[in-house]
């Protein structure tokens, strides 16, 4: 059955590409994500891939000439592609090609090919769908691998033997899992087996590309779909061994601990409902990684994970470094969230004192709300009574934070007394005693002994100075 989708090509840009193709005597097609997302009714993507049976760069230049704004043509000679930005769209042009691969590289040897050659080299049948831009059959769907059927059945399948597809370019294994997660599709069983069989091939892929796919999986509405597939195919053990190490339950003397791997996946899904902050989602993913190396069994109290938050925050640095992720404020934020991940939980289980809340706000600073969001996502108990209690307790902690913050202004704390104030009061030059006094003022404010105000802090400074042997001028 022949399908025509002229309405998908209603943007005038497609008529212009069609005309330019005719003038150059070449056929051209819209292919890939634009066609897929149109058929899935996912909205109109801003990226449009055009494949020309001929020179893609030549076609791009011809199209740019015919557009009123005469956009710049960005040429990527190494890839044989060209890109034009036009009215919020990114048009990428490439000549139809066939590819062959060498064992130790995902960079193909490229030769000129037919449209079908080009469709064969695509990662999945749903991305091999093409719409004709020829006047004779404008909008006709060219689907040699039953991609439309796979789209309707929500199946991810490769146009060729999946073993060849994944071995040639192992990044496609990550893309399969990412698409399954984003689109809520099922990976075809043969394809899933081929990912497991070829998992070691992921080692030839750059860390940056792997992380880019991990980011996209974590950005999904339900990241656990992708994370579960990474685990089931064995890719998780290679890419994120720290997370994989959390898998399993041990029992000693009848005492068991929960499976921290599956718990983590629940936490990530929970936080995905509450925030789009990618780095907070990373913090949720890594918040328990310190539990594997710190797990001990104590006959008196059962399973323990002493200092797992501190150990976990150190592991975050190593993980970010290994995966070539940013070692900047983003990493420090994830470390901080992992290190402090149990603090609000402890507060919620005890009587919440003002001083404990002040210390929490002081240590978390501007990220205290993010920390509370992480801790609320950490509630994975299936017991409705417990869940209600935990949520109510966290609500009390949040209220207390607002009260303490309004009264004591601890977030992004700046001490009311400066080093200059201390030097002027006691007629001293920079010395160790200034640090001692400043620390004492900070502690007094956090403990609620004095308010976070200049006059009481000044009186406290004079008193503390005398105690350590300083004399006022």
Protein backbone atom coordinates (compact mmCIF):
# COMPACT_ATOMS: atom_id res chain seq x y z
CA UNK A 1 0.00 0.00 0.00
CA UNK A 2 1.37 3.40 -1.03
CA UNK A 3 1.29 6.15 1.60
CA UNK A 4 1.47 9.85 0.76
CA UNK A 5 2.12 12.52 3.35
CA UNK A 6 2.04 15.84 1.46
CA UNK A 7 0.73 17.54 4.60
CA UNK A 8 4.03 16.71 6.35
CA UNK A 9 5.78 18.83 3.70
CA UNK A 10 3.51 21.91 3.91
CA UNK A 11 6.40 24.17 4.99
CA UNK A 12 7.41 26.18 1.86
CA UNK A 13 11.06 25.18 2.44
CA UNK A 14 10.32 21.69 1.04
CA UNK A 15 9.05 23.13 -2.27
CA UNK A 16 12.25 25.18 -2.51
CA UNK A 17 14.45 22.11 -1.87
CA UNK A 18 12.42 20.17 -4.47
CA UNK A 19 12.92 22.95 -7.05
CA UNK A 20 16.65 23.23 -6.33
CA UNK A 21 17.00 19.43 -6.68
CA UNK A 22 15.24 19.52 -10.08
CA UNK A 23 17.54 22.31 -11.30
CA UNK A 24 20.57 20.20 -10.33
CA UNK A 25 19.08 17.06 -11.87
CA UNK A 26 19.12 15.08 -8.61
CA UNK A 27 16.47 13.41 -6.45
CA UNK A 28 16.11 14.42 -2.80
CA UNK A 29 14.22 13.11 0.22
CA UNK A 30 13.38 14.08 3.80
CA UNK A 31 14.60 11.25 6.03
CA UNK A 32 14.99 10.25 9.68
CA UNK A 33 13.77 12.06 12.80
CA UNK A 34 11.56 14.62 11.05
CA UNK A 35 9.52 11.88 9.34
CA UNK A 36 9.47 9.67 12.45
CA UNK A 37 8.30 12.45 14.78
CA UNK A 38 5.68 13.69 12.30
CA UNK A 39 4.18 10.17 12.10
CA UNK A 40 4.33 9.83 15.90
CA UNK A 41 2.62 13.25 16.26
CA UNK A 42 5.45 14.38 18.55
CA UNK A 43 5.34 17.94 17.21
CA UNK A 44 7.39 19.39 14.37
CA UNK A 45 11.13 18.93 14.98
CA UNK A 46 13.49 21.84 14.26
CA UNK A 47 16.07 19.47 12.69
CA UNK A 48 15.35 18.36 9.12
CA UNK A 49 17.63 15.83 7.39
CA UNK A 50 17.71 15.91 3.59
CA UNK A 51 19.37 13.13 1.63
CA UNK A 52 20.28 13.84 -1.99
CA UNK A 53 21.06 11.19 -4.57
CA UNK A 54 24.10 13.20 -5.64
CA UNK A 55 26.12 15.88 -3.84
CA UNK A 56 24.42 17.04 -0.66
CA UNK A 57 26.73 20.05 -0.25
CA UNK A 58 25.94 21.26 -3.79
CA UNK A 59 22.21 21.00 -3.05
CA UNK A 60 22.60 22.94 0.22
CA UNK A 61 24.34 25.79 -1.64
CA UNK A 62 21.64 25.86 -4.32
CA UNK A 63 18.87 26.00 -1.68
CA UNK A 64 20.65 28.81 0.22
CA UNK A 65 20.88 30.87 -3.01
CA UNK A 66 17.12 30.62 -3.48
CA UNK A 67 16.16 31.64 0.07
CA UNK A 68 15.38 35.36 0.58
CA UNK A 69 17.64 35.66 3.66
CA UNK A 70 20.58 33.98 1.83
CA UNK A 71 21.65 31.93 4.92
CA UNK A 72 25.24 30.85 5.41
CA UNK A 73 26.03 27.27 4.36
CA UNK A 74 28.10 25.52 7.01
CA UNK A 75 30.09 22.74 5.33
CA UNK A 76 31.46 19.71 7.19
CA UNK A 77 33.84 18.32 4.56
CA UNK A 78 34.95 15.34 6.71
CA UNK A 79 31.37 14.11 6.89
CA UNK A 80 30.28 15.23 3.42
CA UNK A 81 27.42 17.23 4.95
CA UNK A 82 26.25 20.84 4.94
CA UNK A 83 23.90 22.70 7.26
CA UNK A 84 21.65 25.75 6.80
CA UNK A 85 19.76 27.60 9.55
CA UNK A 86 16.50 29.04 8.24
CA UNK A 87 13.56 30.44 10.24
CA UNK A 88 14.23 28.41 13.36
CA UNK A 89 14.94 25.20 11.44
CA UNK A 90 18.26 23.41 11.00
CA UNK A 91 18.45 21.77 7.57
CA UNK A 92 21.20 19.18 7.16
CA UNK A 93 22.05 17.96 3.66
CA UNK A 94 23.96 14.78 2.85
CA UNK A 95 24.55 12.79 -0.31
CA UNK A 96 23.06 9.25 -0.34
CA UNK A 97 25.82 6.85 0.62
CA UNK A 98 26.73 3.33 1.55
CA UNK A 99 29.15 2.60 4.35
CA UNK A 100 31.60 -0.10 5.41
CA UNK A 101 33.36 -0.27 8.75
CA UNK A 102 36.69 -1.38 10.17
CA UNK A 103 36.75 -3.35 13.40
CA UNK A 104 38.52 -0.77 15.59
CA UNK A 105 36.59 2.35 14.59
CA UNK A 106 33.00 3.57 14.28
CA UNK A 107 34.09 5.97 11.48
CA UNK A 108 32.87 4.39 8.23
CA UNK A 109 34.46 4.19 4.79
CA UNK A 110 31.89 6.06 2.71
CA UNK A 111 30.94 5.57 -0.95
CA UNK A 112 28.24 7.21 -3.07
CA UNK A 113 25.06 5.13 -3.00
CA UNK A 114 21.36 4.97 -3.78
CA UNK A 115 18.52 6.05 -1.49
CA UNK A 116 18.07 2.42 -0.41
CA UNK A 117 21.80 2.15 0.40
CA UNK A 118 21.34 5.23 2.59
CA UNK A 119 18.27 3.78 4.29
CA UNK A 120 20.17 0.52 4.99
CA UNK A 121 22.91 2.37 6.87
CA UNK A 122 20.38 3.97 9.25
CA UNK A 123 20.30 2.73 12.85
CA UNK A 124 16.61 1.74 13.07
CA UNK A 125 13.78 1.07 10.64
CA UNK A 126 11.79 3.95 12.18
CA UNK A 127 14.68 6.29 11.31
CA UNK A 128 14.98 4.94 7.74
CA UNK A 129 11.59 6.32 6.67
CA UNK A 130 11.88 8.85 3.82
CA UNK A 131 9.47 11.24 2.08
CA UNK A 132 10.02 12.02 -1.59
CA UNK A 133 10.58 15.63 -2.69
CA UNK A 134 10.20 14.79 -6.42
CA UNK A 135 7.29 16.65 -8.08
CA UNK A 136 5.95 13.38 -9.59
CA UNK A 137 5.43 11.72 -6.17
CA UNK A 138 5.87 14.60 -3.69
CA UNK A 139 5.20 13.33 -0.13
CA UNK A 140 5.34 9.62 -1.02
CA UNK A 141 6.65 7.48 1.87
CA UNK A 142 9.57 5.22 0.96
CA UNK A 143 9.71 2.44 3.53
CA UNK A 144 11.74 -0.59 2.35
CA UNK A 145 12.17 -2.04 5.88
CA UNK A 146 8.58 -1.82 7.23
CA UNK A 147 9.46 1.10 9.50
CA UNK A 148 5.85 2.33 9.52
CA UNK A 149 4.70 -1.05 10.84
CA UNK A 150 7.42 -0.94 13.54
CA UNK A 151 6.33 2.61 14.41
CA UNK A 152 2.72 1.48 14.85
CA UNK A 153 3.80 -1.57 16.89
CA UNK A 154 6.25 0.51 18.97
CA UNK A 155 9.18 -1.76 18.03
CA UNK A 156 12.83 -0.76 17.63
CA UNK A 157 14.46 -2.91 14.96
CA UNK A 158 17.57 -2.45 12.81
CA UNK A 159 17.30 -2.43 8.98
CA UNK A 160 20.17 -4.95 8.71
CA UNK A 161 21.33 -7.82 10.93
CA UNK A 162 21.53 -6.18 14.39
CA UNK A 163 24.90 -7.84 15.04
CA UNK A 164 26.34 -5.94 12.08
CA UNK A 165 24.54 -2.67 12.92
CA UNK A 166 25.77 -2.62 16.54
CA UNK A 167 29.24 -3.97 15.90
CA UNK A 168 29.81 -1.39 13.12
CA UNK A 169 28.72 1.56 15.27
CA UNK A 170 28.32 0.56 18.94
CA UNK A 171 26.90 3.98 19.84
CA UNK A 172 23.71 2.64 18.24
CA UNK A 173 23.31 0.35 21.27
CA UNK A 174 23.01 3.44 23.50
CA UNK A 175 20.71 5.10 20.96
CA UNK A 176 18.44 2.01 20.92
CA UNK A 177 18.09 2.18 24.69
CA UNK A 178 17.61 5.94 24.63
CA UNK A 179 14.86 5.74 21.97
CA UNK A 180 13.17 2.89 23.87
CA UNK A 181 13.18 5.15 26.93
CA UNK A 182 12.09 8.37 25.18
CA UNK A 183 9.41 6.83 22.94
CA UNK A 184 8.34 4.00 25.31
CA UNK A 185 9.16 1.49 22.54
CA UNK A 186 10.25 -2.15 22.92
CA UNK A 187 13.60 -3.24 21.49
CA UNK A 188 13.08 -6.27 19.21
CA UNK A 189 14.31 -9.46 21.03
CA UNK A 190 16.99 -10.20 18.37
CA UNK A 191 18.18 -6.62 18.63
CA UNK A 192 18.28 -6.77 22.43
CA UNK A 193 20.35 -9.97 22.31
CA UNK A 194 22.73 -8.35 19.79
CA UNK A 195 23.27 -5.44 22.22
CA UNK A 196 24.23 -7.91 24.98
CA UNK A 197 26.48 -9.84 22.59
CA UNK A 198 28.25 -6.67 21.39
CA UNK A 199 28.35 -4.80 24.70
CA UNK A 200 32.17 -4.82 24.94
CA UNK A 201 32.28 -2.89 21.63
CA UNK A 202 31.04 0.17 23.57
CA UNK A 203 34.67 0.64 24.63
CA UNK A 204 35.59 2.08 21.20
CA UNK A 205 33.06 4.92 21.67
CA UNK A 206 34.22 8.24 23.12
CA UNK A 207 33.12 8.94 26.69
CA UNK A 208 31.57 12.25 25.58
CA UNK A 209 29.16 10.48 23.19
CA UNK A 210 28.22 7.89 25.80
CA UNK A 211 27.52 10.63 28.36
CA UNK A 212 25.41 12.53 25.81
CA UNK A 213 23.15 9.45 25.53
CA UNK A 214 23.12 9.00 29.33
CA UNK A 215 21.98 12.63 29.68
CA UNK A 216 19.13 11.96 27.24
CA UNK A 217 18.08 8.80 29.12
CA UNK A 218 18.12 10.70 32.43
CA UNK A 219 16.08 13.52 30.85
CA UNK A 220 13.21 11.08 30.01
CA UNK A 221 9.92 11.14 31.93
CA UNK A 222 10.70 7.67 33.29
CA UNK A 223 14.51 7.20 33.20
CA UNK A 224 14.30 3.73 34.79
CA UNK A 225 13.19 2.27 31.43
CA UNK A 226 16.56 3.09 29.89
CA UNK A 227 18.57 2.38 33.06
CA UNK A 228 16.95 -1.05 33.37
CA UNK A 229 17.88 -1.85 29.73
CA UNK A 230 21.47 -0.70 30.31
CA UNK A 231 21.58 -3.14 33.22
CA UNK A 232 19.90 -6.05 31.40
CA UNK A 233 22.21 -5.79 28.37
CA UNK A 234 25.37 -5.61 30.49
CA UNK A 235 26.25 -2.08 29.33
CA UNK A 236 25.71 -0.69 32.83
CA UNK A 237 28.53 -2.87 34.22
CA UNK A 238 30.92 -1.35 31.67
CA UNK A 239 29.76 2.30 31.74
CA UNK A 240 28.61 2.75 35.37
CA UNK A 241 30.13 -0.10 37.41
CA UNK A 242 29.55 1.92 40.62
CA UNK A 243 25.82 1.67 40.05
CA UNK A 244 25.93 -1.94 38.95
CA UNK A 245 27.72 -2.84 42.22
CA UNK A 246 24.56 -1.91 44.17
CA UNK A 247 22.67 -4.84 42.64
CA UNK A 248 21.69 -7.78 44.84
CA UNK A 249 20.50 -8.62 48.35
CA UNK A 250 22.58 -10.41 50.96
CA UNK A 251 21.20 -12.28 53.95
CA UNK A 252 23.15 -13.01 57.12
CA UNK A 253 21.59 -14.46 60.29
CA UNK A 254 18.14 -13.93 58.79
CA UNK A 255 18.77 -10.21 58.21
CA UNK A 256 18.55 -8.78 54.72
CA UNK A 257 19.10 -5.32 53.26
CA UNK A 258 17.12 -3.81 50.36
CA UNK A 259 18.42 -4.02 46.79
CA UNK A 260 19.95 -0.56 46.46
CA UNK A 261 20.12 -0.76 42.66
CA UNK A 262 16.37 -1.11 42.11
CA UNK A 263 15.74 1.38 44.93
CA UNK A 264 17.95 3.89 43.07
CA UNK A 265 15.93 3.46 39.87
CA UNK A 266 12.74 4.23 41.80
CA UNK A 267 14.36 7.35 43.29
CA UNK A 268 15.38 8.56 39.81
CA UNK A 269 11.81 8.06 38.52
CA UNK A 270 10.44 9.90 41.57
CA UNK A 271 12.75 12.88 41.08
CA UNK A 272 11.94 12.98 37.35
CA UNK A 273 8.34 13.79 38.35
CA UNK A 274 9.52 16.71 40.48
CA UNK A 275 12.30 18.39 38.47
CA UNK A 276 13.88 18.76 35.03
CA UNK A 277 17.24 19.66 36.62
CA UNK A 278 19.58 17.17 34.92
CA UNK A 279 22.27 17.43 37.62
CA UNK A 280 19.75 16.81 40.40
CA UNK A 281 18.70 13.69 38.46
CA UNK A 282 22.38 12.68 38.35
CA UNK A 283 22.52 13.20 42.14
CA UNK A 284 19.50 10.88 42.52
CA UNK A 285 21.22 8.28 40.32
CA UNK A 286 24.44 8.41 42.35
CA UNK A 287 23.12 9.17 45.86
CA UNK A 288 23.70 5.60 47.14
CA UNK A 289 26.86 4.57 45.22
CA UNK A 290 28.86 4.70 48.47
CA UNK A 291 26.76 1.85 49.88
CA UNK A 292 28.52 -0.93 47.94
CA UNK A 293 32.03 -0.24 49.34
CA UNK A 294 30.78 0.55 52.88
CA UNK A 295 28.39 -2.41 53.34
CA UNK A 296 29.15 -4.35 56.56
CA UNK A 297 27.24 -6.80 58.74
CA UNK A 298 27.27 -6.13 62.47
CA UNK A 299 25.73 -9.02 64.50
CA UNK A 300 24.40 -6.51 67.05
CA UNK A 301 22.66 -4.08 64.69
CA UNK A 302 22.50 -5.81 61.29
CA UNK A 303 23.57 -4.31 57.96
CA UNK A 304 25.37 -0.96 58.08
CA UNK A 305 26.61 1.52 55.46
CA UNK A 306 28.66 3.87 57.65
CA UNK A 307 29.72 7.13 55.97
CA UNK A 308 28.35 5.98 52.61
CA UNK A 309 27.38 9.57 51.72
CA UNK A 310 30.94 10.83 52.25
CA UNK A 311 32.44 7.87 50.36
CA UNK A 312 29.84 8.32 47.61
CA UNK A 313 30.69 12.01 47.15
CA UNK A 314 34.37 11.06 46.65
CA UNK A 315 33.29 8.42 44.10
CA UNK A 316 31.33 11.08 42.17
CA UNK A 317 34.62 12.87 41.40
CA UNK A 318 36.25 9.67 40.09
CA UNK A 319 33.18 8.78 38.03
CA UNK A 320 32.94 12.27 36.47
CA UNK A 321 36.66 12.19 35.69
CA UNK A 322 36.49 8.74 34.08
CA UNK A 323 33.49 9.68 31.93
CA UNK A 324 35.06 13.06 31.03
CA UNK A 325 32.11 14.90 32.51
CA UNK A 326 32.46 18.55 33.64
CA UNK A 327 34.67 18.97 36.74
CA UNK A 328 33.11 22.29 37.65
CA UNK A 329 30.19 23.61 39.67
CA UNK A 330 27.91 20.92 38.21
CA UNK A 331 30.09 18.15 39.63
CA UNK A 332 30.44 19.98 42.96
CA UNK A 333 26.65 20.29 43.12
CA UNK A 334 26.20 16.51 42.57
CA UNK A 335 28.90 15.80 45.19
CA UNK A 336 27.20 18.11 47.68
CA UNK A 337 23.78 16.51 47.13
CA UNK A 338 25.26 12.99 47.56
CA UNK A 339 27.24 14.01 50.66
CA UNK A 340 24.20 15.65 52.31
CA UNK A 341 21.55 13.20 51.06
CA UNK A 342 20.81 11.75 54.53
CA UNK A 343 20.80 14.99 56.51
CA UNK A 344 17.13 15.96 56.06
CA UNK A 345 16.13 12.30 56.58
CA UNK A 346 17.80 12.30 60.02
CA UNK A 347 16.09 15.61 60.84
CA UNK A 348 12.69 14.27 59.79
CA UNK A 349 13.05 11.29 62.12
CA UNK A 350 13.94 13.34 65.19
CA UNK A 351 12.42 16.35 66.91
CA UNK A 352 13.32 19.17 64.52
CA UNK A 353 15.31 21.78 66.44
CA UNK A 354 15.92 25.28 65.11
CA UNK A 355 19.68 24.87 65.42
CA UNK A 356 19.67 21.62 63.37
CA UNK A 357 17.63 23.34 60.63
CA UNK A 358 19.95 26.38 60.72
CA UNK A 359 22.95 24.07 60.20
CA UNK A 360 21.20 22.27 57.34
CA UNK A 361 20.43 25.58 55.59
CA UNK A 362 23.94 26.87 56.27
CA UNK A 363 25.61 23.75 54.83
CA UNK A 364 23.24 23.36 51.84
CA UNK A 365 23.14 27.09 51.09
CA UNK A 366 21.27 27.97 47.89
CA UNK A 367 20.73 24.25 47.18
CA UNK A 368 18.61 23.46 50.24
CA UNK A 369 15.40 23.16 48.17
CA UNK A 370 17.13 20.77 45.74
CA UNK A 371 18.31 18.69 48.71
CA UNK A 372 14.77 18.46 50.08
CA UNK A 373 13.48 17.43 46.63
CA UNK A 374 16.11 14.66 46.50
CA UNK A 375 15.19 13.40 49.98
CA UNK A 376 11.47 13.35 49.17
CA UNK A 377 12.25 11.34 46.02
CA UNK A 378 14.14 8.89 48.25
CA UNK A 379 10.84 7.74 49.81
CA UNK A 380 10.22 4.42 48.06
CA UNK A 381 8.41 2.47 50.77
CA UNK A 382 5.27 0.67 49.56
CA UNK A 383 3.68 0.93 53.02
CA UNK A 384 1.05 3.75 52.68
CA UNK A 385 1.17 4.56 56.43
CA UNK A 386 4.97 4.92 56.42
CA UNK A 387 4.91 6.89 53.19
CA UNK A 388 2.37 9.32 54.65
CA UNK A 389 4.44 9.72 57.83
CA UNK A 390 7.67 10.40 55.92
CA UNK A 391 5.99 12.94 53.65
CA UNK A 392 4.41 14.75 56.60
CA UNK A 393 7.75 14.82 58.42
CA UNK A 394 9.49 16.30 55.37
CA UNK A 395 6.73 18.89 55.12
CA UNK A 396 7.47 19.88 58.73
CA UNK A 397 11.19 20.20 57.90
CA UNK A 398 10.32 22.38 54.87
CA UNK A 399 8.10 24.62 57.04
CA UNK A 400 10.84 24.90 59.65
CA UNK A 401 13.34 25.87 56.92
CA UNK A 402 11.04 28.72 55.81
CA UNK A 403 10.55 29.94 59.42
CA UNK A 404 14.25 29.79 60.30
CA UNK A 405 15.24 31.37 56.98
CA UNK A 406 12.81 34.28 57.40
CA UNK A 407 14.01 34.91 60.93
CA UNK A 408 17.72 34.16 60.78
CA UNK A 409 18.72 34.64 57.09
CA UNK A 410 21.18 31.71 57.11
CA UNK A 411 21.06 30.79 53.44
CA UNK A 412 24.18 32.22 51.72
CA UNK A 413 25.26 33.26 55.22
CA UNK A 414 27.43 36.37 55.51
CA UNK A 415 28.71 36.98 59.07
CA UNK A 416 27.46 40.28 60.54
CA UNK A 417 30.97 41.01 61.92
CA UNK A 418 33.89 41.29 59.50
CA UNK A 419 37.60 40.74 60.06
CA UNK A 420 38.07 44.56 59.87
CA UNK A 421 35.51 45.05 62.68
CA UNK A 422 37.50 42.65 64.90
CA UNK A 423 40.89 44.28 64.08
CA UNK A 424 39.49 47.77 64.78
CA UNK A 425 37.84 46.75 68.05
CA UNK A 426 40.98 45.13 69.47
CA UNK A 427 43.65 47.15 67.64
CA UNK A 428 45.25 44.02 66.14
CA UNK A 429 46.66 43.05 62.76
CA UNK A 430 45.63 39.92 60.80
CA UNK A 431 46.15 36.89 63.05
CA UNK A 432 44.76 33.49 64.09
CA UNK A 433 42.52 35.04 66.77
CA UNK A 434 40.36 36.76 64.11
CA UNK A 435 39.43 33.35 62.63
CA UNK A 436 38.67 31.99 66.13
CA UNK A 437 36.28 34.87 66.86
CA UNK A 438 34.56 34.68 63.46
CA UNK A 439 34.02 30.92 63.89
CA UNK A 440 32.63 31.49 67.42
CA UNK A 441 30.16 34.12 66.10
CA UNK A 442 29.02 31.75 63.34
CA UNK A 443 28.51 28.89 65.83
CA UNK A 444 26.61 31.15 68.24
CA UNK A 445 24.24 32.22 65.45
CA UNK A 446 23.72 28.65 64.22
CA UNK A 447 23.06 27.45 67.80
CA UNK A 448 20.59 30.28 68.33
CA UNK A 449 22.57 31.86 71.16
CA UNK A 450 22.50 35.23 69.37
CA UNK A 451 20.41 36.50 66.42
CA UNK A 452 22.05 37.05 63.03
CA UNK A 453 22.34 40.82 63.64
CA UNK A 454 25.21 43.30 63.99
CA UNK A 455 24.70 44.63 67.54
CA UNK A 456 24.33 41.27 69.37
CA UNK A 457 27.18 39.82 67.27
CA UNK A 458 29.39 42.83 68.18
CA UNK A 459 28.73 42.35 71.93
CA UNK A 460 29.47 38.61 71.55
CA UNK A 461 32.73 39.46 69.73
CA UNK A 462 33.90 41.69 72.60
CA UNK A 463 33.07 38.98 75.16
CA UNK A 464 34.79 36.19 73.16
CA UNK A 465 37.83 38.40 72.50
CA UNK A 466 38.37 39.01 76.20
CA UNK A 467 38.07 35.25 76.86
CA UNK A 468 41.04 34.55 74.56
CA UNK A 469 43.12 37.40 76.02
CA UNK A 470 42.45 40.34 73.66
CA UNK A 471 42.03 43.87 74.95
CA UNK A 472 39.74 46.49 73.42
CA UNK A 473 41.34 49.74 72.25
